[in-house]
Amino acid sequence: MSDQISKLPPQVQERLLRFQQLQQTMQSVLAQKQQVEMEKTEVEQTLKELQKSSDDAVIYKTAGSLLIKAEKTKLTEELVERKELLNTRSLVLAKQEERIRSQVKEAQTKLQADLQPVSL
């Protein structure tokens, strides 16, 4: 396979390398997006559970491997802020994904044109 690639013109080799880099970037963005969505779901579930609890309930939050007593109102504020941050991050990643998808499609089209045998 590497032999076949080395026989390609330098411009096509560069396009192929760029295409592979774009695909890797896309995979990274999708993984980040999935991670953000999972964390956002977790925060939303936690907020729902907090709403169900009474105002005087004893609540703990994790700090590394420790559980620390927390006030419901402060914890709710922290979680709402975290959710907003995750929503923003999700939007940024969605825009990034859209832009990279477009670049991948364009690179793929150019590569296909480069690699098609010339018809006489």
N, C-alpha and C. Protein backbone atom coordinates (compact mmCIF):
# COMPACT_ATOMS: atom_id res chain seq x y z
N MET A 1 0.83 -1.19 0.00
CA MET A 1 0.00 0.00 0.00
C MET A 1 0.87 1.24 0.00
N SER A 2 1.91 1.26 0.84
CA SER A 2 2.81 2.41 0.93
C SER A 2 3.55 2.62 -0.39
N ASP A 3 3.85 1.51 -1.07
CA ASP A 3 4.51 1.59 -2.37
C ASP A 3 3.62 2.31 -3.38
N GLN A 4 2.33 1.97 -3.34
CA GLN A 4 1.38 2.59 -4.27
C GLN A 4 1.25 4.08 -3.99
N ILE A 5 1.27 4.45 -2.74
CA ILE A 5 1.14 5.87 -2.37
C ILE A 5 2.36 6.63 -2.84
N SER A 6 3.53 6.03 -2.70
CA SER A 6 4.76 6.73 -3.10
C SER A 6 4.84 6.93 -4.62
N LYS A 7 4.05 6.17 -5.37
CA LYS A 7 4.03 6.33 -6.84
C LYS A 7 3.12 7.47 -7.28
N LEU A 8 2.31 7.96 -6.36
CA LEU A 8 1.39 9.06 -6.69
C LEU A 8 2.17 10.36 -6.80
N PRO A 9 1.65 11.30 -7.59
CA PRO A 9 2.31 12.62 -7.67
C PRO A 9 2.31 13.29 -6.29
N PRO A 10 3.32 14.13 -6.01
CA PRO A 10 3.42 14.78 -4.70
C PRO A 10 2.15 15.53 -4.28
N GLN A 11 1.51 16.19 -5.22
CA GLN A 11 0.30 16.95 -4.90
C GLN A 11 -0.81 16.02 -4.41
N VAL A 12 -0.94 14.86 -5.03
CA VAL A 12 -1.96 13.89 -4.64
C VAL A 12 -1.60 13.29 -3.27
N GLN A 13 -0.32 13.04 -3.04
CA GLN A 13 0.13 12.53 -1.75
C GLN A 13 -0.22 13.51 -0.63
N GLU A 14 -0.02 14.79 -0.90
CA GLU A 14 -0.35 15.83 0.09
C GLU A 14 -1.84 15.86 0.36
N ARG A 15 -2.64 15.76 -0.69
CA ARG A 15 -4.10 15.76 -0.52
C ARG A 15 -4.56 14.54 0.28
N LEU A 16 -3.93 13.40 0.01
CA LEU A 16 -4.27 12.19 0.72
C LEU A 16 -3.92 12.33 2.21
N LEU A 17 -2.76 12.89 2.48
CA LEU A 17 -2.35 13.12 3.86
C LEU A 17 -3.30 14.09 4.55
N ARG A 18 -3.66 15.15 3.87
CA ARG A 18 -4.60 16.14 4.42
C ARG A 18 -5.95 15.50 4.71
N PHE A 19 -6.40 14.65 3.79
CA PHE A 19 -7.68 13.94 3.96
C PHE A 19 -7.62 13.06 5.21
N GLN A 20 -6.53 12.34 5.40
CA GLN A 20 -6.38 11.47 6.57
C GLN A 20 -6.35 12.30 7.86
N GLN A 21 -5.68 13.44 7.82
CA GLN A 21 -5.63 14.32 8.99
C GLN A 21 -7.02 14.85 9.33
N LEU A 22 -7.78 15.22 8.32
CA LEU A 22 -9.14 15.70 8.54
C LEU A 22 -10.02 14.61 9.15
N GLN A 23 -9.84 13.38 8.68
CA GLN A 23 -10.62 12.28 9.24
C GLN A 23 -10.28 12.07 10.72
N GLN A 24 -9.00 12.17 11.06
CA GLN A 24 -8.59 12.02 12.46
C GLN A 24 -9.15 13.15 13.31
N THR A 25 -9.12 14.36 12.77
CA THR A 25 -9.68 15.51 13.49
C THR A 25 -11.17 15.31 13.71
N MET A 26 -11.85 14.80 12.70
CA MET A 26 -13.29 14.56 12.80
C MET A 26 -13.57 13.53 13.91
N GLN A 27 -12.79 12.48 13.96
CA GLN A 27 -12.97 11.46 15.00
C GLN A 27 -12.77 12.07 16.39
N SER A 28 -11.78 12.92 16.50
CA SER A 28 -11.50 13.57 17.79
C SER A 28 -12.66 14.48 18.21
N VAL A 29 -13.17 15.26 17.28
CA VAL A 29 -14.29 16.17 17.57
C VAL A 29 -15.53 15.36 17.97
N LEU A 30 -15.79 14.27 17.26
CA LEU A 30 -16.95 13.45 17.58
C LEU A 30 -16.82 12.82 18.96
N ALA A 31 -15.61 12.41 19.32
CA ALA A 31 -15.38 11.84 20.65
C ALA A 31 -15.60 12.89 21.73
N GLN A 32 -15.09 14.10 21.49
CA GLN A 32 -15.29 15.20 22.45
C GLN A 32 -16.77 15.52 22.58
N LYS A 33 -17.46 15.56 21.46
CA LYS A 33 -18.89 15.88 21.46
C LYS A 33 -19.67 14.84 22.26
N GLN A 34 -19.33 13.57 22.07
CA GLN A 34 -19.99 12.50 22.80
C GLN A 34 -19.73 12.64 24.30
N GLN A 35 -18.50 12.97 24.67
CA GLN A 35 -18.14 13.13 26.08
C GLN A 35 -18.94 14.28 26.70
N VAL A 36 -19.04 15.40 25.99
CA VAL A 36 -19.79 16.56 26.47
C VAL A 36 -21.26 16.20 26.64
N GLU A 37 -21.82 15.47 25.68
CA GLU A 37 -23.23 15.10 25.76
C GLU A 37 -23.49 14.17 26.96
N MET A 38 -22.57 13.25 27.20
CA MET A 38 -22.73 12.36 28.35
C MET A 38 -22.67 13.14 29.66
N GLU A 39 -21.73 14.07 29.74
CA GLU A 39 -21.61 14.87 30.96
C GLU A 39 -22.83 15.76 31.15
N LYS A 40 -23.33 16.31 30.06
CA LYS A 40 -24.52 17.17 30.13
C LYS A 40 -25.72 16.36 30.63
N THR A 41 -25.88 15.15 30.15
CA THR A 41 -26.97 14.28 30.60
C THR A 41 -26.84 13.99 32.09
N GLU A 42 -25.62 13.74 32.52
CA GLU A 42 -25.36 13.46 33.94
C GLU A 42 -25.72 14.67 34.80
N VAL A 43 -25.36 15.86 34.37
CA VAL A 43 -25.66 17.09 35.11
C VAL A 43 -27.17 17.30 35.17
N GLU A 44 -27.86 17.06 34.04
CA GLU A 44 -29.32 17.23 34.01
C GLU A 44 -30.00 16.26 34.98
N GLN A 45 -29.53 15.02 35.00
CA GLN A 45 -30.10 14.02 35.92
C GLN A 45 -29.87 14.43 37.37
N THR A 46 -28.67 14.93 37.65
CA THR A 46 -28.35 15.37 39.01
C THR A 46 -29.24 16.54 39.42
N LEU A 47 -29.45 17.48 38.52
CA LEU A 47 -30.33 18.62 38.82
C LEU A 47 -31.76 18.15 39.10
N LYS A 48 -32.24 17.17 38.34
CA LYS A 48 -33.59 16.63 38.58
C LYS A 48 -33.68 16.01 39.97
N GLU A 49 -32.66 15.26 40.35
CA GLU A 49 -32.66 14.63 41.67
C GLU A 49 -32.59 15.67 42.78
N LEU A 50 -31.83 16.73 42.55
CA LEU A 50 -31.74 17.80 43.54
C LEU A 50 -33.09 18.49 43.73
N GLN A 51 -33.82 18.68 42.64
CA GLN A 51 -35.13 19.31 42.73
C GLN A 51 -36.11 18.47 43.55
N LYS A 52 -35.94 17.16 43.49
CA LYS A 52 -36.82 16.26 44.24
C LYS A 52 -36.54 16.29 45.73
N SER A 53 -35.31 16.65 46.10
CA SER A 53 -34.94 16.62 47.52
C SER A 53 -35.42 17.87 48.25
N SER A 54 -35.63 17.73 49.54
CA SER A 54 -36.09 18.88 50.35
C SER A 54 -34.92 19.85 50.55
N ASP A 55 -35.27 21.08 50.88
CA ASP A 55 -34.25 22.12 51.05
C ASP A 55 -33.31 21.84 52.22
N ASP A 56 -33.79 21.09 53.19
CA ASP A 56 -32.94 20.81 54.36
C ASP A 56 -32.26 19.43 54.28
N ALA A 57 -32.36 18.78 53.13
CA ALA A 57 -31.73 17.47 52.96
C ALA A 57 -30.21 17.60 53.01
N VAL A 58 -29.57 16.59 53.56
CA VAL A 58 -28.12 16.56 53.61
C VAL A 58 -27.62 16.05 52.25
N ILE A 59 -26.80 16.89 51.60
CA ILE A 59 -26.33 16.57 50.25
C ILE A 59 -24.81 16.59 50.25
N TYR A 60 -24.25 15.64 49.51
CA TYR A 60 -22.80 15.56 49.38
C TYR A 60 -22.43 15.65 47.91
N LYS A 61 -21.25 16.20 47.64
CA LYS A 61 -20.75 16.22 46.27
C LYS A 61 -19.36 15.60 46.28
N THR A 62 -18.96 15.11 45.13
CA THR A 62 -17.65 14.47 45.05
C THR A 62 -16.57 15.52 44.76
N ALA A 63 -15.43 15.29 45.37
CA ALA A 63 -14.24 16.09 45.11
C ALA A 63 -13.09 15.09 45.04
N GLY A 64 -12.84 14.62 43.84
CA GLY A 64 -11.86 13.55 43.69
C GLY A 64 -12.43 12.27 44.26
N SER A 65 -11.75 11.69 45.21
CA SER A 65 -12.25 10.46 45.82
C SER A 65 -12.96 10.72 47.15
N LEU A 66 -13.21 12.00 47.45
CA LEU A 66 -13.89 12.38 48.69
C LEU A 66 -15.33 12.79 48.43
N LEU A 67 -16.15 12.65 49.45
CA LEU A 67 -17.50 13.20 49.44
C LEU A 67 -17.51 14.35 50.43
N ILE A 68 -17.99 15.51 49.98
CA ILE A 68 -18.00 16.70 50.81
C ILE A 68 -19.43 17.19 50.95
N LYS A 69 -19.80 17.56 52.18
CA LYS A 69 -21.14 18.08 52.42
C LYS A 69 -21.29 19.41 51.67
N ALA A 70 -22.47 19.58 51.03
CA ALA A 70 -22.69 20.78 50.22
C ALA A 70 -24.09 21.34 50.47
N GLU A 71 -24.23 22.63 50.25
CA GLU A 71 -25.55 23.27 50.35
C GLU A 71 -26.27 23.07 49.03
N LYS A 72 -27.55 22.76 49.13
CA LYS A 72 -28.35 22.48 47.93
C LYS A 72 -28.34 23.65 46.96
N THR A 73 -28.52 24.87 47.47
CA THR A 73 -28.60 26.03 46.58
C THR A 73 -27.28 26.27 45.85
N LYS A 74 -26.17 26.18 46.58
CA LYS A 74 -24.86 26.39 45.95
C LYS A 74 -24.56 25.31 44.93
N LEU A 75 -24.88 24.10 45.29
CA LEU A 75 -24.64 22.98 44.37
C LEU A 75 -25.50 23.12 43.12
N THR A 76 -26.74 23.53 43.30
CA THR A 76 -27.63 23.74 42.15
C THR A 76 -27.07 24.83 41.24
N GLU A 77 -26.60 25.92 41.83
CA GLU A 77 -26.00 27.00 41.04
C GLU A 77 -24.79 26.50 40.25
N GLU A 78 -23.94 25.72 40.90
CA GLU A 78 -22.75 25.18 40.24
C GLU A 78 -23.15 24.29 39.06
N LEU A 79 -24.16 23.46 39.29
CA LEU A 79 -24.59 22.54 38.23
C LEU A 79 -25.24 23.27 37.07
N VAL A 80 -26.03 24.29 37.36
CA VAL A 80 -26.66 25.08 36.30
C VAL A 80 -25.58 25.78 35.46
N GLU A 81 -24.58 26.32 36.15
CA GLU A 81 -23.47 26.97 35.45
C GLU A 81 -22.70 25.95 34.58
N ARG A 82 -22.48 24.77 35.15
CA ARG A 82 -21.77 23.72 34.40
C ARG A 82 -22.57 23.31 33.18
N LYS A 83 -23.89 23.20 33.33
CA LYS A 83 -24.76 22.82 32.21
C LYS A 83 -24.69 23.87 31.10
N GLU A 84 -24.71 25.15 31.48
CA GLU A 84 -24.61 26.22 30.49
C GLU A 84 -23.27 26.15 29.75
N LEU A 85 -22.21 25.89 30.49
CA LEU A 85 -20.89 25.76 29.89
C LEU A 85 -20.85 24.59 28.92
N LEU A 86 -21.44 23.48 29.31
CA LEU A 86 -21.48 22.30 28.44
C LEU A 86 -22.33 22.55 27.20
N ASN A 87 -23.43 23.29 27.35
CA ASN A 87 -24.25 23.65 26.19
C ASN A 87 -23.45 24.47 25.19
N THR A 88 -22.69 25.43 25.71
CA THR A 88 -21.85 26.27 24.84
C THR A 88 -20.80 25.42 24.15
N ARG A 89 -20.16 24.56 24.91
CA ARG A 89 -19.13 23.67 24.34
C ARG A 89 -19.73 22.77 23.28
N SER A 90 -20.93 22.29 23.51
CA SER A 90 -21.62 21.43 22.55
C SER A 90 -21.89 22.18 21.24
N LEU A 91 -22.32 23.43 21.35
CA LEU A 91 -22.57 24.24 20.15
C LEU A 91 -21.28 24.47 19.36
N VAL A 92 -20.20 24.77 20.07
CA VAL A 92 -18.90 24.99 19.42
C VAL A 92 -18.46 23.73 18.69
N LEU A 93 -18.59 22.59 19.35
CA LEU A 93 -18.19 21.33 18.73
C LEU A 93 -19.07 20.98 17.53
N ALA A 94 -20.35 21.30 17.59
CA ALA A 94 -21.25 21.05 16.47
C ALA A 94 -20.84 21.88 15.26
N LYS A 95 -20.49 23.14 15.49
CA LYS A 95 -20.03 24.01 14.39
C LYS A 95 -18.71 23.50 13.83
N GLN A 96 -17.83 23.07 14.72
CA GLN A 96 -16.54 22.53 14.30
C GLN A 96 -16.76 21.26 13.47
N GLU A 97 -17.66 20.41 13.92
CA GLU A 97 -17.96 19.18 13.19
C GLU A 97 -18.49 19.49 11.79
N GLU A 98 -19.39 20.45 11.72
CA GLU A 98 -19.98 20.84 10.43
C GLU A 98 -18.90 21.34 9.47
N ARG A 99 -18.01 22.17 9.98
CA ARG A 99 -16.93 22.73 9.15
C ARG A 99 -15.98 21.62 8.68
N ILE A 100 -15.64 20.72 9.57
CA ILE A 100 -14.71 19.64 9.21
C ILE A 100 -15.37 18.67 8.23
N ARG A 101 -16.66 18.38 8.43
CA ARG A 101 -17.38 17.52 7.48
C ARG A 101 -17.31 18.10 6.07
N SER A 102 -17.50 19.39 5.98
CA SER A 102 -17.43 20.07 4.69
C SER A 102 -16.03 19.94 4.08
N GLN A 103 -15.01 20.12 4.90
CA GLN A 103 -13.63 20.00 4.43
C GLN A 103 -13.31 18.57 4.00
N VAL A 104 -13.81 17.59 4.75
CA VAL A 104 -13.59 16.18 4.40
C VAL A 104 -14.25 15.88 3.06
N LYS A 105 -15.47 16.35 2.89
CA LYS A 105 -16.20 16.10 1.64
C LYS A 105 -15.45 16.72 0.45
N GLU A 106 -14.99 17.94 0.63
CA GLU A 106 -14.25 18.63 -0.43
C GLU A 106 -12.95 17.89 -0.75
N ALA A 107 -12.22 17.49 0.28
CA ALA A 107 -10.96 16.77 0.08
C ALA A 107 -11.21 15.42 -0.60
N GLN A 108 -12.28 14.76 -0.22
CA GLN A 108 -12.62 13.47 -0.81
C GLN A 108 -12.94 13.63 -2.29
N THR A 109 -13.70 14.66 -2.62
CA THR A 109 -14.05 14.92 -4.02
C THR A 109 -12.80 15.18 -4.86
N LYS A 110 -11.89 15.99 -4.33
CA LYS A 110 -10.64 16.28 -5.05
C LYS A 110 -9.79 15.02 -5.22
N LEU A 111 -9.73 14.22 -4.16
CA LEU A 111 -8.95 12.98 -4.24
C LEU A 111 -9.54 12.01 -5.26
N GLN A 112 -10.85 11.90 -5.27
CA GLN A 112 -11.49 11.00 -6.23
C GLN A 112 -11.20 11.45 -7.66
N ALA A 113 -11.22 12.76 -7.87
CA ALA A 113 -10.91 13.29 -9.19
C ALA A 113 -9.46 13.01 -9.56
N ASP A 114 -8.56 13.15 -8.59
CA ASP A 114 -7.13 12.90 -8.83
C ASP A 114 -6.85 11.43 -9.13
N LEU A 115 -7.59 10.54 -8.47
CA LEU A 115 -7.30 9.12 -8.57
C LEU A 115 -8.05 8.39 -9.69
N GLN A 116 -9.01 9.07 -10.31
CA GLN A 116 -9.73 8.44 -11.43
C GLN A 116 -8.79 8.35 -12.62
N PRO A 117 -8.79 7.20 -13.30
CA PRO A 117 -7.94 7.09 -14.49
C PRO A 117 -8.44 8.06 -15.58
N VAL A 118 -7.52 8.57 -16.31
CA VAL A 118 -7.84 9.53 -17.37
C VAL A 118 -8.49 8.77 -18.53
N SER A 119 -9.66 9.25 -18.95
CA SER A 119 -10.38 8.61 -20.07
C SER A 119 -9.93 9.27 -21.37
N LEU A 120 -9.69 8.45 -22.35
CA LEU A 120 -9.28 9.00 -23.65
C LEU A 120 -10.40 8.95 -24.63
